[in-house]
Amino acid sequence: MKRKVVFMFVNGSITEAKRVEMELESTLMVMIGVGSYDMACEEAKKLVEEGVKLIELCGGFGTIGHAKVTEAVYGKAQIGVVRFDNHPGYDNLSGDSKWL
């Protein structure tokens, strides 16, 4: 069975989660776009049910977003994050300022 790893990004224009998969030799790389922290938590729960053990969040998630997704999976997956405290794509606001 292939190992599944996930990269998740947040963009407010997304109304339903968008998923793309890339097959590698021993890994299935999944990229998921979500429109909110709540949607991210719901998708993370589904991913854990699929057996995902690693989810990396984009820099658009602030520290609160990271905490919410971490809490949502109840320790069943490791949640990493690309960190931009002031995201250049969000006029130097944090993800928390943008999405909360």
C-alpha atoms as a PDB file:
ATOM      1  CA  MET A   1       0.000   0.000   0.000  1.00  0.00           C
ATOM      2  CA  LYS A   2       1.320   3.424  -0.949  1.00  0.00           C
ATOM      3  CA  ARG A   3       2.024   6.036   1.676  1.00  0.00           C
ATOM      4  CA  LYS A   4      -0.320   9.046   1.346  1.00  0.00           C
ATOM      5  CA  VAL A   5       1.003  12.537   2.035  1.00  0.00           C
ATOM      6  CA  VAL A   6      -1.020  15.726   1.757  1.00  0.00           C
ATOM      7  CA  PHE A   7      -0.418  19.393   1.048  1.00  0.00           C
ATOM      8  CA  MET A   8      -3.443  21.568   1.868  1.00  0.00           C
ATOM      9  CA  PHE A   9      -3.920  25.205   0.896  1.00  0.00           C
ATOM     10  CA  VAL A  10      -6.635  27.723   1.728  1.00  0.00           C
ATOM     11  CA  ASN A  11      -8.263  30.155  -0.709  1.00  0.00           C
ATOM     12  CA  GLY A  12     -11.530  31.952   0.004  1.00  0.00           C
ATOM     13  CA  SER A  13     -12.840  31.481  -3.534  1.00  0.00           C
ATOM     14  CA  ILE A  14     -13.085  27.712  -3.007  1.00  0.00           C
ATOM     15  CA  THR A  15     -16.631  26.648  -2.125  1.00  0.00           C
ATOM     16  CA  GLU A  16     -16.057  22.873  -2.253  1.00  0.00           C
ATOM     17  CA  ALA A  17     -12.785  21.131  -1.499  1.00  0.00           C
ATOM     18  CA  LYS A  18     -10.656  20.571  -4.609  1.00  0.00           C
ATOM     19  CA  ARG A  19      -8.405  17.514  -4.741  1.00  0.00           C
ATOM     20  CA  VAL A  20      -5.570  16.549  -7.092  1.00  0.00           C
ATOM     21  CA  GLU A  21      -3.501  13.383  -6.765  1.00  0.00           C
ATOM     22  CA  MET A  22      -0.028  12.578  -8.050  1.00  0.00           C
ATOM     23  CA  GLU A  23       1.131   8.955  -8.165  1.00  0.00           C
ATOM     24  CA  LEU A  24       4.779   8.420  -7.292  1.00  0.00           C
ATOM     25  CA  GLU A  25       6.649   5.127  -6.993  1.00  0.00           C
ATOM     26  CA  SER A  26       5.893   4.497  -3.314  1.00  0.00           C
ATOM     27  CA  THR A  27       3.818   7.547  -2.423  1.00  0.00           C
ATOM     28  CA  LEU A  28       0.507   9.119  -3.337  1.00  0.00           C
ATOM     29  CA  MET A  29       0.854  12.911  -3.112  1.00  0.00           C
ATOM     30  CA  VAL A  30      -2.501  14.618  -2.551  1.00  0.00           C
ATOM     31  CA  MET A  31      -3.045  18.358  -2.893  1.00  0.00           C
ATOM     32  CA  ILE A  32      -6.274  19.750  -1.472  1.00  0.00           C
ATOM     33  CA  GLY A  33      -7.626  23.284  -1.743  1.00  0.00           C
ATOM     34  CA  VAL A  34     -10.126  24.479   0.859  1.00  0.00           C
ATOM     35  CA  GLY A  35     -12.032  27.723   1.326  1.00  0.00           C
ATOM     36  CA  SER A  36     -11.896  28.060   5.121  1.00  0.00           C
ATOM     37  CA  TYR A  37     -10.422  26.664   8.301  1.00  0.00           C
ATOM     38  CA  ASP A  38     -13.685  24.805   8.977  1.00  0.00           C
ATOM     39  CA  MET A  39     -13.483  23.141   5.564  1.00  0.00           C
ATOM     40  CA  ALA A  40      -9.834  22.286   6.248  1.00  0.00           C
ATOM     41  CA  CYS A  41     -10.796  20.547   9.491  1.00  0.00           C
ATOM     42  CA  GLU A  42     -13.503  18.519   7.767  1.00  0.00           C
ATOM     43  CA  GLU A  43     -11.142  17.466   4.975  1.00  0.00           C
ATOM     44  CA  ALA A  44      -8.408  16.586   7.472  1.00  0.00           C
ATOM     45  CA  LYS A  45     -10.819  14.266   9.301  1.00  0.00           C
ATOM     46  CA  LYS A  46     -11.671  12.533   6.009  1.00  0.00           C
ATOM     47  CA  LEU A  47      -7.986  12.187   5.160  1.00  0.00           C
ATOM     48  CA  VAL A  48      -7.251  10.508   8.480  1.00  0.00           C
ATOM     49  CA  GLU A  49     -10.052   8.020   7.753  1.00  0.00           C
ATOM     50  CA  GLU A  50      -8.230   7.270   4.462  1.00  0.00           C
ATOM     51  CA  GLY A  51      -5.057   6.471   6.395  1.00  0.00           C
ATOM     52  CA  VAL A  52      -3.151   9.721   5.865  1.00  0.00           C
ATOM     53  CA  LYS A  53      -0.473  10.228   8.534  1.00  0.00           C
ATOM     54  CA  LEU A  54       1.062  13.494   7.298  1.00  0.00           C
ATOM     55  CA  ILE A  55      -0.659  16.743   6.318  1.00  0.00           C
ATOM     56  CA  GLU A  56       1.315  19.857   5.466  1.00  0.00           C
ATOM     57  CA  LEU A  57      -0.528  23.173   5.501  1.00  0.00           C
ATOM     58  CA  CYS A  58       0.380  26.100   3.260  1.00  0.00           C
ATOM     59  CA  GLY A  59       1.616  29.413   4.628  1.00  0.00           C
ATOM     60  CA  GLY A  60      -1.908  30.802   4.265  1.00  0.00           C
ATOM     61  CA  PHE A  61      -2.838  29.002   7.485  1.00  0.00           C
ATOM     62  CA  GLY A  62      -1.964  31.059  10.518  1.00  0.00           C
ATOM     63  CA  THR A  63      -1.127  29.644  13.920  1.00  0.00           C
ATOM     64  CA  ILE A  64      -4.819  29.393  14.831  1.00  0.00           C
ATOM     65  CA  GLY A  65      -5.603  27.574  11.569  1.00  0.00           C
ATOM     66  CA  HIS A  66      -2.742  25.159  12.241  1.00  0.00           C
ATOM     67  CA  ALA A  67      -4.060  24.541  15.762  1.00  0.00           C
ATOM     68  CA  LYS A  68      -7.615  23.957  14.524  1.00  0.00           C
ATOM     69  CA  VAL A  69      -6.542  21.329  11.976  1.00  0.00           C
ATOM     70  CA  THR A  70      -4.235  19.675  14.517  1.00  0.00           C
ATOM     71  CA  GLU A  71      -7.084  19.473  17.015  1.00  0.00           C
ATOM     72  CA  ALA A  72      -9.480  18.123  14.355  1.00  0.00           C
ATOM     73  CA  VAL A  73      -7.379  15.005  13.720  1.00  0.00           C
ATOM     74  CA  TYR A  74      -6.993  14.095  17.414  1.00  0.00           C
ATOM     75  CA  GLY A  75      -3.338  13.057  17.076  1.00  0.00           C
ATOM     76  CA  LYS A  76      -4.068  10.594  14.275  1.00  0.00           C
ATOM     77  CA  ALA A  77      -1.859  12.510  11.799  1.00  0.00           C
ATOM     78  CA  GLN A  78       1.095  14.860  12.023  1.00  0.00           C
ATOM     79  CA  ILE A  79       0.269  18.403  10.905  1.00  0.00           C
ATOM     80  CA  GLY A  80       3.137  20.475   9.547  1.00  0.00           C
ATOM     81  CA  VAL A  81       3.010  24.007   8.219  1.00  0.00           C
ATOM     82  CA  VAL A  82       4.883  26.229   5.812  1.00  0.00           C
ATOM     83  CA  ARG A  83       5.238  29.382   7.872  1.00  0.00           C
ATOM     84  CA  PHE A  84       4.671  32.950   6.740  1.00  0.00           C
ATOM     85  CA  ASP A  85       3.762  35.006   9.802  1.00  0.00           C
ATOM     86  CA  ASN A  86       3.004  37.806   7.357  1.00  0.00           C
ATOM     87  CA  HIS A  87       2.052  36.186   4.055  1.00  0.00           C
ATOM     88  CA  PRO A  88       3.287  38.096   0.982  1.00  0.00           C
ATOM     89  CA  GLY A  89       0.236  36.968  -1.008  1.00  0.00           C
ATOM     90  CA  TYR A  90      -2.136  38.447   1.579  1.00  0.00           C
ATOM     91  CA  ASP A  91      -0.718  41.992   1.704  1.00  0.00           C
ATOM     92  CA  ASN A  92       1.542  40.867   4.551  1.00  0.00           C
ATOM     93  CA  LEU A  93      -1.325  39.787   6.801  1.00  0.00           C
ATOM     94  CA  SER A  94      -1.254  36.493   8.650  1.00  0.00           C
ATOM     95  CA  GLY A  95      -3.560  33.720   7.535  1.00  0.00           C
ATOM     96  CA  ASP A  96      -5.451  34.173  10.788  1.00  0.00           C
ATOM     97  CA  SER A  97      -6.166  37.811   9.917  1.00  0.00           C
ATOM     98  CA  LYS A  98      -7.364  36.765   6.483  1.00  0.00           C
ATOM     99  CA  TRP A  99      -9.463  33.693   7.318  1.00  0.00           C
ATOM    100  CA  LEU A 100     -10.921  34.351  10.785  1.00  0.00           C
END
